[in-house]
Amino acid sequence: MAAAPSRSRGDYDHLIKLLLIGDSGVGKSCLLLRFSDDTFTTSFITTIGIDFKVRTVELDGKRVKLQIWDTAGQERFRTITTAYYRGAMGILLVYDVTDESSFNNIRNWIRNIEQHASHNVNKILVGNKVVSTAQGQKLADEYGIKFFETSAKTNQNVEQVFFTIARDIKQRLTETVATAAEPPTIQISRPDPDQPNPASRWSSCCNT
């Protein structure tokens, strides 16, 4: 993965790397364009390999820089795109609610995450081009992840989905730092009164 830009302390408080995955044509690039540039195009956008956008937002009083990687959904790019899984802190699984096969393939994408991403990566399920919610919510519940339905065209829930996963990651990072800062505890066991004192045995040896 490309190296993150050097941080200026006044620039942001957290750097979060997100990955968009899903079948080709489900609207990943449209979601990214809407979120990063607030633009929408009716033209079909095909990502070749990997695309990349940056947006800095404010979450709970902290400036958070989001590096968002848009992956190609075509099979021939899978080797390239899976290389980006490991560095991702959050992954958005996108399907087209008007395309049942893209929904069914979400399970395959989750298997890719389990094989290539960090074990604690945050995940969120996104049904794009809003129609129905029942199946999406059921699948999200099965994997214990949050679910949103979005429309890049109308800008429905686009901000919310990116802000939600960014906030969840920020919370995880904060908790990790807090846990690491806790002083180590030392377990002190009480002596067994039925066992002889080693020091006493040593003293008696020295006295003989």
C-alpha atoms as a PDB file:
ATOM      1  CA  MET A   1       0.000   0.000   0.000  1.00  0.00           C
ATOM      2  CA  ALA A   2       1.169   3.500  -0.697  1.00  0.00           C
ATOM      3  CA  ALA A   3       2.821   5.199   2.254  1.00  0.00           C
ATOM      4  CA  ALA A   4       0.645   7.529   4.285  1.00  0.00           C
ATOM      5  CA  PRO A   5       1.507  11.215   3.961  1.00  0.00           C
ATOM      6  CA  SER A   6       3.610  12.715   6.727  1.00  0.00           C
ATOM      7  CA  ARG A   7       1.396  14.090   9.415  1.00  0.00           C
ATOM      8  CA  SER A   8       1.319  17.732  10.412  1.00  0.00           C
ATOM      9  CA  ARG A   9       0.106  17.867  14.009  1.00  0.00           C
ATOM     10  CA  GLY A  10      -2.328  20.660  13.190  1.00  0.00           C
ATOM     11  CA  ASP A  11      -3.715  18.725  10.234  1.00  0.00           C
ATOM     12  CA  TYR A  12      -5.570  15.830  11.904  1.00  0.00           C
ATOM     13  CA  ASP A  13      -5.854  13.809  15.098  1.00  0.00           C
ATOM     14  CA  HIS A  14      -6.485  10.398  13.533  1.00  0.00           C
ATOM     15  CA  LEU A  15      -5.626   8.809  10.187  1.00  0.00           C
ATOM     16  CA  ILE A  16      -8.112   6.125   9.135  1.00  0.00           C
ATOM     17  CA  LYS A  17      -7.759   3.919   6.068  1.00  0.00           C
ATOM     18  CA  LEU A  18     -10.992   2.595   4.555  1.00  0.00           C
ATOM     19  CA  LEU A  19     -11.558   0.100   1.759  1.00  0.00           C
ATOM     20  CA  LEU A  20     -14.592  -0.208  -0.521  1.00  0.00           C
ATOM     21  CA  ILE A  21     -15.198  -3.718  -1.845  1.00  0.00           C
ATOM     22  CA  GLY A  22     -17.990  -5.435  -3.760  1.00  0.00           C
ATOM     23  CA  ASP A  23     -18.919  -6.633  -7.217  1.00  0.00           C
ATOM     24  CA  SER A  24     -18.246  -4.526 -10.286  1.00  0.00           C
ATOM     25  CA  GLY A  25     -21.016  -2.041 -11.064  1.00  0.00           C
ATOM     26  CA  VAL A  26     -22.622  -1.860  -7.622  1.00  0.00           C
ATOM     27  CA  GLY A  27     -21.801   1.833  -7.267  1.00  0.00           C
ATOM     28  CA  LYS A  28     -18.667   1.886  -5.106  1.00  0.00           C
ATOM     29  CA  SER A  29     -17.056   4.642  -7.174  1.00  0.00           C
ATOM     30  CA  CYS A  30     -20.264   6.686  -7.154  1.00  0.00           C
ATOM     31  CA  LEU A  31     -20.434   6.447  -3.366  1.00  0.00           C
ATOM     32  CA  LEU A  32     -16.817   7.540  -3.083  1.00  0.00           C
ATOM     33  CA  LEU A  33     -17.287  10.477  -5.457  1.00  0.00           C
ATOM     34  CA  ARG A  34     -20.389  11.602  -3.597  1.00  0.00           C
ATOM     35  CA  PHE A  35     -18.644  11.436  -0.231  1.00  0.00           C
ATOM     36  CA  SER A  36     -15.276  12.893  -1.250  1.00  0.00           C
ATOM     37  CA  ASP A  37     -16.285  15.481  -3.865  1.00  0.00           C
ATOM     38  CA  ASP A  38     -20.079  15.756  -3.422  1.00  0.00           C
ATOM     39  CA  THR A  39     -20.571  14.928  -7.102  1.00  0.00           C
ATOM     40  CA  PHE A  40     -22.611  12.319  -8.943  1.00  0.00           C
ATOM     41  CA  THR A  41     -22.441  11.017 -12.482  1.00  0.00           C
ATOM     42  CA  THR A  42     -24.934   8.847 -14.332  1.00  0.00           C
ATOM     43  CA  SER A  43     -22.095   7.407 -16.412  1.00  0.00           C
ATOM     44  CA  PHE A  44     -20.909   3.903 -15.546  1.00  0.00           C
ATOM     45  CA  ILE A  45     -17.572   4.123 -13.742  1.00  0.00           C
ATOM     46  CA  THR A  46     -15.215   1.162 -13.967  1.00  0.00           C
ATOM     47  CA  THR A  47     -12.324   1.200 -11.525  1.00  0.00           C
ATOM     48  CA  ILE A  48      -9.083  -0.160 -12.970  1.00  0.00           C
ATOM     49  CA  GLY A  49      -7.288  -1.790 -10.067  1.00  0.00           C
ATOM     50  CA  ILE A  50      -7.407   0.789  -7.274  1.00  0.00           C
ATOM     51  CA  ASP A  51      -8.651   4.375  -6.911  1.00  0.00           C
ATOM     52  CA  PHE A  52      -7.973   6.634  -3.961  1.00  0.00           C
ATOM     53  CA  LYS A  53      -9.596   9.668  -2.317  1.00  0.00           C
ATOM     54  CA  VAL A  54      -8.962  11.684   0.845  1.00  0.00           C
ATOM     55  CA  ARG A  55     -11.361  13.654   2.993  1.00  0.00           C
ATOM     56  CA  THR A  56     -10.803  15.156   6.425  1.00  0.00           C
ATOM     57  CA  VAL A  57     -13.863  15.315   8.682  1.00  0.00           C
ATOM     58  CA  GLU A  58     -14.579  16.260  12.280  1.00  0.00           C
ATOM     59  CA  LEU A  59     -15.870  13.524  14.559  1.00  0.00           C
ATOM     60  CA  ASP A  60     -16.671  14.154  18.205  1.00  0.00           C
ATOM     61  CA  GLY A  61     -14.369  17.162  18.309  1.00  0.00           C
ATOM     62  CA  LYS A  62     -11.452  15.381  16.594  1.00  0.00           C
ATOM     63  CA  ARG A  63     -10.154  15.933  13.068  1.00  0.00           C
ATOM     64  CA  VAL A  64     -10.060  12.608  11.251  1.00  0.00           C
ATOM     65  CA  LYS A  65      -8.348  12.152   7.895  1.00  0.00           C
ATOM     66  CA  LEU A  66      -9.987   9.400   5.861  1.00  0.00           C
ATOM     67  CA  GLN A  67      -7.956   7.650   3.178  1.00  0.00           C
ATOM     68  CA  ILE A  68     -10.529   5.768   1.119  1.00  0.00           C
ATOM     69  CA  TRP A  69      -9.480   3.092  -1.363  1.00  0.00           C
ATOM     70  CA  ASP A  70     -11.929   2.057  -4.079  1.00  0.00           C
ATOM     71  CA  THR A  71     -11.243  -1.420  -5.447  1.00  0.00           C
ATOM     72  CA  ALA A  72     -12.127  -2.989  -8.769  1.00  0.00           C
ATOM     73  CA  GLY A  73     -14.753  -5.694  -8.493  1.00  0.00           C
ATOM     74  CA  GLN A  74     -13.635  -7.686 -11.522  1.00  0.00           C
ATOM     75  CA  GLU A  75     -12.061 -11.073 -10.907  1.00  0.00           C
ATOM     76  CA  ARG A  76      -8.896 -10.208 -12.858  1.00  0.00           C
ATOM     77  CA  PHE A  77      -8.014  -7.495 -10.330  1.00  0.00           C
ATOM     78  CA  ARG A  78      -8.516  -9.607  -7.195  1.00  0.00           C
ATOM     79  CA  THR A  79      -4.803 -10.286  -6.698  1.00  0.00           C
ATOM     80  CA  ILE A  80      -4.111  -6.550  -6.763  1.00  0.00           C
ATOM     81  CA  THR A  81      -6.984  -5.510  -4.535  1.00  0.00           C
ATOM     82  CA  THR A  82      -6.497  -8.156  -1.834  1.00  0.00           C
ATOM     83  CA  ALA A  83      -3.044  -6.693  -1.188  1.00  0.00           C
ATOM     84  CA  TYR A  84      -4.820  -3.625   0.220  1.00  0.00           C
ATOM     85  CA  TYR A  85      -6.923  -5.550   2.728  1.00  0.00           C
ATOM     86  CA  ARG A  86      -4.183  -5.861   5.341  1.00  0.00           C
ATOM     87  CA  GLY A  87      -3.664  -2.126   5.734  1.00  0.00           C
ATOM     88  CA  ALA A  88      -7.373  -1.323   5.935  1.00  0.00           C
ATOM     89  CA  MET A  89      -8.794  -0.279   9.290  1.00  0.00           C
ATOM     90  CA  GLY A  90     -12.378  -0.401   8.058  1.00  0.00           C
ATOM     91  CA  ILE A  91     -14.039  -2.117   5.096  1.00  0.00           C
ATOM     92  CA  LEU A  92     -17.319  -1.160   3.442  1.00  0.00           C
ATOM     93  CA  LEU A  93     -19.003  -4.107   1.707  1.00  0.00           C
ATOM     94  CA  VAL A  94     -21.177  -2.682  -1.062  1.00  0.00           C
ATOM     95  CA  TYR A  95     -23.895  -4.407  -3.071  1.00  0.00           C
ATOM     96  CA  ASP A  96     -26.588  -3.191  -5.474  1.00  0.00           C
ATOM     97  CA  VAL A  97     -30.051  -3.808  -4.019  1.00  0.00           C
ATOM     98  CA  THR A  98     -31.393  -4.228  -7.559  1.00  0.00           C
ATOM     99  CA  ASP A  99     -28.841  -6.973  -8.338  1.00  0.00           C
ATOM    100  CA  GLU A 100     -29.388 -10.125  -6.292  1.00  0.00           C
ATOM    101  CA  SER A 101     -26.117 -11.725  -7.394  1.00  0.00           C
ATOM    102  CA  SER A 102     -24.116  -8.818  -5.960  1.00  0.00           C
ATOM    103  CA  PHE A 103     -25.949  -9.338  -2.658  1.00  0.00           C
ATOM    104  CA  ASN A 104     -25.309 -13.101  -2.666  1.00  0.00           C
ATOM    105  CA  ASN A 105     -21.615 -12.477  -3.380  1.00  0.00           C
ATOM    106  CA  ILE A 106     -21.225 -10.489  -0.160  1.00  0.00           C
ATOM    107  CA  ARG A 107     -20.484 -13.792   1.592  1.00  0.00           C
ATOM    108  CA  ASN A 108     -17.557 -14.327  -0.794  1.00  0.00           C
ATOM    109  CA  TRP A 109     -16.261 -10.831  -0.060  1.00  0.00           C
ATOM    110  CA  ILE A 110     -16.491 -11.506   3.666  1.00  0.00           C
ATOM    111  CA  ARG A 111     -14.444 -14.676   3.174  1.00  0.00           C
ATOM    112  CA  ASN A 112     -11.823 -12.555   1.396  1.00  0.00           C
ATOM    113  CA  ILE A 113     -11.757 -10.232   4.398  1.00  0.00           C
ATOM    114  CA  GLU A 114     -11.315 -13.170   6.768  1.00  0.00           C
ATOM    115  CA  GLN A 115      -8.398 -14.448   4.662  1.00  0.00           C
ATOM    116  CA  HIS A 116      -6.559 -11.203   3.941  1.00  0.00           C
ATOM    117  CA  ALA A 117      -7.562  -8.454   6.414  1.00  0.00           C
ATOM    118  CA  SER A 118      -6.639  -7.857  10.044  1.00  0.00           C
ATOM    119  CA  HIS A 119      -8.765  -9.854  12.462  1.00  0.00           C
ATOM    120  CA  ASN A 120     -10.136  -6.740  14.186  1.00  0.00           C
ATOM    121  CA  VAL A 121     -10.957  -4.727  11.058  1.00  0.00           C
ATOM    122  CA  ASN A 122     -14.248  -2.831  11.275  1.00  0.00           C
ATOM    123  CA  LYS A 123     -16.874  -3.794   8.694  1.00  0.00           C
ATOM    124  CA  ILE A 124     -20.119  -2.250   7.492  1.00  0.00           C
ATOM    125  CA  LEU A 125     -22.644  -3.495   4.934  1.00  0.00           C
ATOM    126  CA  VAL A 126     -23.932  -0.993   2.368  1.00  0.00           C
ATOM    127  CA  GLY A 127     -26.919  -1.626   0.102  1.00  0.00           C
ATOM    128  CA  ASN A 128     -26.619   0.965  -2.663  1.00  0.00           C
ATOM    129  CA  LYS A 129     -29.434   2.273  -4.935  1.00  0.00           C
ATOM    130  CA  VAL A 130     -32.148   1.989  -2.292  1.00  0.00           C
ATOM    131  CA  VAL A 131     -35.053  -0.432  -2.754  1.00  0.00           C
ATOM    132  CA  SER A 132     -35.598  -2.861   0.178  1.00  0.00           C
ATOM    133  CA  THR A 133     -33.978  -3.329   3.581  1.00  0.00           C
ATOM    134  CA  ALA A 134     -35.070  -6.711   4.954  1.00  0.00           C
ATOM    135  CA  GLN A 135     -32.468  -8.994   3.330  1.00  0.00           C
ATOM    136  CA  GLY A 136     -29.603  -6.587   3.908  1.00  0.00           C
ATOM    137  CA  GLN A 137     -30.427  -6.194   7.588  1.00  0.00           C
ATOM    138  CA  LYS A 138     -30.705  -9.970   7.994  1.00  0.00           C
ATOM    139  CA  LEU A 139     -27.275 -10.549   6.437  1.00  0.00           C
ATOM    140  CA  ALA A 140     -25.704  -7.778   8.524  1.00  0.00           C
ATOM    141  CA  ASP A 141     -27.195  -9.296  11.681  1.00  0.00           C
ATOM    142  CA  GLU A 142     -25.780 -12.702  10.721  1.00  0.00           C
ATOM    143  CA  TYR A 143     -22.242 -11.301  10.629  1.00  0.00           C
ATOM    144  CA  GLY A 144     -22.742  -8.874  13.503  1.00  0.00           C
ATOM    145  CA  ILE A 145     -22.024  -5.760  11.446  1.00  0.00           C
ATOM    146  CA  LYS A 146     -23.899  -2.506  10.899  1.00  0.00           C
ATOM    147  CA  PHE A 147     -26.070  -1.984   7.847  1.00  0.00           C
ATOM    148  CA  PHE A 148     -26.990   1.062   5.764  1.00  0.00           C
ATOM    149  CA  GLU A 149     -28.837   1.532   2.524  1.00  0.00           C
ATOM    150  CA  THR A 150     -27.538   4.427   0.470  1.00  0.00           C
ATOM    151  CA  SER A 151     -28.109   6.310  -2.742  1.00  0.00           C
ATOM    152  CA  ALA A 152     -25.174   8.127  -4.290  1.00  0.00           C
ATOM    153  CA  LYS A 153     -27.650   9.805  -6.632  1.00  0.00           C
ATOM    154  CA  THR A 154     -29.791  11.406  -3.916  1.00  0.00           C
ATOM    155  CA  ASN A 155     -26.985  11.464  -1.315  1.00  0.00           C
ATOM    156  CA  GLN A 156     -29.100   9.355   1.040  1.00  0.00           C
ATOM    157  CA  ASN A 157     -27.064   8.049   4.007  1.00  0.00           C
ATOM    158  CA  VAL A 158     -23.727   8.508   2.189  1.00  0.00           C
ATOM    159  CA  GLU A 159     -22.255  10.770   4.876  1.00  0.00           C
ATOM    160  CA  GLN A 160     -23.738   8.637   7.625  1.00  0.00           C
ATOM    161  CA  VAL A 161     -22.154   5.387   6.452  1.00  0.00           C
ATOM    162  CA  PHE A 162     -18.626   6.810   6.201  1.00  0.00           C
ATOM    163  CA  PHE A 163     -18.974   8.746   9.455  1.00  0.00           C
ATOM    164  CA  THR A 164     -20.313   5.676  11.274  1.00  0.00           C
ATOM    165  CA  ILE A 165     -17.435   3.367  10.364  1.00  0.00           C
ATOM    166  CA  ALA A 166     -14.885   6.132  10.970  1.00  0.00           C
ATOM    167  CA  ARG A 167     -16.346   6.794  14.414  1.00  0.00           C
ATOM    168  CA  ASP A 168     -16.307   3.072  15.257  1.00  0.00           C
ATOM    169  CA  ILE A 169     -12.642   2.829  14.226  1.00  0.00           C
ATOM    170  CA  LYS A 170     -11.722   5.949  16.190  1.00  0.00           C
ATOM    171  CA  GLN A 171     -13.400   4.461  19.255  1.00  0.00           C
ATOM    172  CA  ARG A 172     -11.508   1.185  18.791  1.00  0.00           C
ATOM    173  CA  LEU A 173      -8.187   3.028  18.451  1.00  0.00           C
ATOM    174  CA  THR A 174      -8.904   5.125  21.535  1.00  0.00           C
ATOM    175  CA  GLU A 175      -9.751   2.035  23.583  1.00  0.00           C
ATOM    176  CA  THR A 176      -6.603   0.280  22.352  1.00  0.00           C
ATOM    177  CA  VAL A 177      -4.415   3.213  23.405  1.00  0.00           C
ATOM    178  CA  ALA A 178      -6.144   3.410  26.789  1.00  0.00           C
ATOM    179  CA  THR A 179      -5.622  -0.298  27.400  1.00  0.00           C
ATOM    180  CA  ALA A 180      -1.949  -0.064  26.420  1.00  0.00           C
ATOM    181  CA  ALA A 181      -1.481   2.841  28.842  1.00  0.00           C
ATOM    182  CA  GLU A 182      -2.757   0.879  31.841  1.00  0.00           C
ATOM    183  CA  PRO A 183       0.066  -0.132  34.226  1.00  0.00           C
ATOM    184  CA  PRO A 184       0.822  -3.855  34.280  1.00  0.00           C
ATOM    185  CA  THR A 185      -0.474  -5.789  37.257  1.00  0.00           C
ATOM    186  CA  ILE A 186       1.691  -8.173  39.245  1.00  0.00           C
ATOM    187  CA  GLN A 187       0.094 -11.239  40.763  1.00  0.00           C
ATOM    188  CA  ILE A 188       1.461 -11.820  44.257  1.00  0.00           C
ATOM    189  CA  SER A 189       0.662 -15.239  45.665  1.00  0.00           C
ATOM    190  CA  ARG A 190       0.461 -15.907  49.358  1.00  0.00           C
ATOM    191  CA  PRO A 191       3.016 -18.383  50.759  1.00  0.00           C
ATOM    192  CA  ASP A 192       1.749 -21.863  51.460  1.00  0.00           C
ATOM    193  CA  PRO A 193       2.084 -22.410  55.226  1.00  0.00           C
ATOM    194  CA  ASP A 194       2.499 -26.147  54.642  1.00  0.00           C
ATOM    195  CA  GLN A 195       5.606 -25.617  52.495  1.00  0.00           C
ATOM    196  CA  PRO A 196       8.995 -24.992  54.133  1.00  0.00           C
ATOM    197  CA  ASN A 197      10.445 -21.523  53.707  1.00  0.00           C
ATOM    198  CA  PRO A 198      13.271 -21.676  51.121  1.00  0.00           C
ATOM    199  CA  ALA A 199      15.159 -18.959  52.981  1.00  0.00           C
ATOM    200  CA  SER A 200      15.031 -21.025  56.169  1.00  0.00           C
ATOM    201  CA  ARG A 201      16.372 -24.064  54.365  1.00  0.00           C
ATOM    202  CA  TRP A 202      19.222 -21.961  52.958  1.00  0.00           C
ATOM    203  CA  SER A 203      20.030 -20.556  56.413  1.00  0.00           C
ATOM    204  CA  SER A 204      20.162 -23.988  57.975  1.00  0.00           C
ATOM    205  CA  CYS A 205      22.471 -25.180  55.219  1.00  0.00           C
ATOM    206  CA  CYS A 206      24.808 -22.267  55.830  1.00  0.00           C
ATOM    207  CA  ASN A 207      24.805 -22.971  59.563  1.00  0.00           C
ATOM    208  CA  THR A 208      25.881 -26.560  59.222  1.00  0.00           C
END
